Protein backbone atom coordinates (compact mmCIF):
# COMPACT_ATOMS: atom_id res chain seq x y z
CA MET A 1 -119.25 -49.74 -198.86
CA SER A 2 -120.19 -46.71 -200.97
CA THR A 3 -123.30 -44.58 -200.49
CA THR A 4 -125.00 -46.14 -203.52
CA GLU A 5 -124.70 -49.64 -202.02
CA LYS A 6 -126.45 -48.83 -198.75
CA PRO A 7 -130.24 -49.03 -198.53
CA ILE A 8 -131.99 -45.71 -198.03
CA PHE A 9 -133.27 -47.05 -194.71
CA ASP A 10 -132.03 -50.11 -192.85
CA ASN A 11 -135.13 -51.83 -191.43
CA HIS A 12 -133.04 -54.43 -189.62
CA PHE A 13 -130.99 -51.73 -187.85
CA PHE A 14 -134.20 -49.89 -186.86
CA ASN A 15 -135.93 -53.08 -185.67
CA ASN A 16 -132.95 -53.88 -183.46
CA ILE A 17 -133.51 -50.53 -181.75
CA THR A 18 -137.26 -50.89 -181.32
CA GLU A 19 -137.23 -54.65 -180.65
CA GLY A 20 -140.55 -54.91 -182.46
CA ASP A 21 -142.38 -52.67 -179.98
CA ARG A 22 -145.08 -51.07 -182.16
CA GLU A 23 -145.72 -48.12 -179.86
CA PHE A 24 -142.01 -47.33 -179.58
CA THR A 25 -141.67 -47.74 -183.36
CA ASP A 26 -144.42 -45.19 -183.97
CA GLU A 27 -142.99 -42.76 -181.40
CA LEU A 28 -139.47 -43.01 -182.80
CA ILE A 29 -140.69 -42.46 -186.35
CA GLU A 30 -142.68 -39.37 -185.33
CA LEU A 31 -139.75 -37.99 -183.34
CA PHE A 32 -137.32 -38.53 -186.21
CA ILE A 33 -139.64 -36.95 -188.79
CA SER A 34 -140.23 -33.92 -186.58
CA SER A 35 -136.60 -33.33 -185.64
CA ALA A 36 -135.26 -34.11 -189.13
CA GLY A 37 -137.71 -31.58 -190.59
CA ASP A 38 -136.39 -28.90 -188.24
CA GLN A 39 -132.81 -29.87 -189.03
CA LEU A 40 -133.51 -29.73 -192.77
CA LEU A 41 -134.91 -26.20 -192.37
CA GLU A 42 -131.69 -25.17 -190.60
CA ILE A 43 -129.61 -26.65 -193.42
CA LYS A 44 -131.71 -24.71 -195.93
CA LYS A 45 -131.25 -21.51 -193.95
CA VAL A 46 -127.47 -21.95 -193.94
CA ALA A 47 -127.42 -23.01 -197.61
CA ASP A 48 -129.47 -19.98 -198.67
CA SER A 49 -127.36 -17.50 -196.71
CA LYS A 50 -124.65 -15.69 -198.62
CA ASP A 51 -122.95 -14.97 -195.28
CA SER A 52 -122.89 -18.48 -193.80
CA ASP A 53 -119.51 -19.86 -192.82
CA SER A 54 -118.11 -23.37 -192.81
CA ASN A 55 -118.81 -23.77 -189.07
CA ALA A 56 -122.52 -23.05 -189.57
CA TRP A 57 -122.62 -25.51 -192.48
CA HIS A 58 -120.83 -28.22 -190.50
CA SER A 59 -123.04 -27.72 -187.45
CA ALA A 60 -126.29 -27.84 -189.42
CA LEU A 61 -125.30 -31.03 -191.21
CA HIS A 62 -123.79 -32.64 -188.12
CA SER A 63 -127.08 -32.50 -186.25
CA LEU A 64 -129.01 -34.31 -188.99
CA LYS A 65 -126.19 -36.82 -189.45
CA GLY A 66 -126.51 -37.87 -185.83
CA SER A 67 -130.26 -38.33 -186.13
CA CYS A 68 -129.89 -40.39 -189.30
CA SER A 69 -127.12 -42.56 -187.90
CA SER A 70 -129.13 -43.38 -184.80
CA ILE A 71 -132.19 -44.77 -186.63
CA GLY A 72 -130.70 -46.58 -189.61
CA ALA A 73 -130.73 -43.91 -192.32
CA LEU A 74 -127.13 -44.81 -193.02
CA LYS A 75 -127.08 -43.83 -196.70
CA LEU A 76 -128.15 -40.29 -195.82
CA ALA A 77 -125.75 -40.17 -192.87
CA GLU A 78 -122.88 -41.17 -195.15
CA PHE A 79 -123.87 -38.54 -197.73
CA ILE A 80 -123.87 -35.92 -194.99
CA ILE A 81 -120.46 -37.05 -193.73
CA ASP A 82 -119.11 -36.67 -197.26
CA ASN A 83 -120.37 -33.08 -197.40
CA GLN A 84 -120.24 -31.61 -193.91
CA ASN A 85 -116.54 -30.79 -193.90
CA LYS A 86 -116.59 -29.13 -197.32
CA GLY A 87 -118.02 -25.86 -196.01
CA SER A 88 -115.07 -23.68 -196.92
CA GLU A 89 -114.82 -25.29 -200.36
CA LEU A 90 -118.46 -24.76 -201.28
CA ILE A 91 -120.07 -21.80 -202.93
CA GLN A 92 -123.69 -21.01 -202.15
CA GLU A 93 -124.97 -22.85 -205.23
CA ASP A 94 -123.17 -26.01 -204.07
CA ARG A 95 -124.76 -25.79 -200.62
CA ILE A 96 -128.20 -25.31 -202.17
CA LYS A 97 -127.69 -28.36 -204.40
CA ILE A 98 -126.55 -30.47 -201.44
CA HIS A 99 -129.57 -29.31 -199.43
CA LYS A 100 -131.87 -30.42 -202.24
CA GLU A 101 -130.20 -33.83 -202.42
CA ILE A 102 -130.53 -34.22 -198.65
CA ALA A 103 -134.23 -33.26 -198.87
CA ILE A 104 -134.84 -35.93 -201.53
CA MET A 105 -133.01 -38.60 -199.55
CA LEU A 106 -134.79 -37.59 -196.35
CA ASP A 107 -138.15 -37.87 -198.09
CA GLN A 108 -137.23 -41.35 -199.33
CA THR A 109 -136.08 -42.32 -195.83
CA THR A 110 -139.24 -41.12 -194.12
CA SER A 111 -141.39 -42.90 -196.72
CA LYS A 112 -139.63 -46.17 -195.89
CA MET A 113 -139.99 -45.52 -192.17
CA LEU A 114 -143.70 -44.81 -192.47
CA GLU A 115 -144.18 -48.26 -193.99
CA LEU A 116 -143.28 -49.66 -190.55
CA ARG A 117 -146.02 -47.82 -188.66
CA SER A 118 -148.81 -49.81 -187.12
């Protein structure tokens, strides 16, 4: 299945994790938003750096990919997988563009997640 075919956020996947527990749902959403925000800042830092290497790029993306995969943001996780190993192939402008695309997808994901809050 390609990235465009996956939903931005898989409610069913997320509900299987939370088992409908409203308090746990709210806590997990807050935790994801907080940690994903920090991870996005790290990606931006690496993208903006003229001196960043492919290991820094891979590491920054890998962290967010894990967070996304664990809560049902599978479209974003797949996009990150497609781009995390390209570090040595990318020029700074490419990394900045990818960061912006990740930021847009993350915003869409968190908007969908917030619809689940009690």
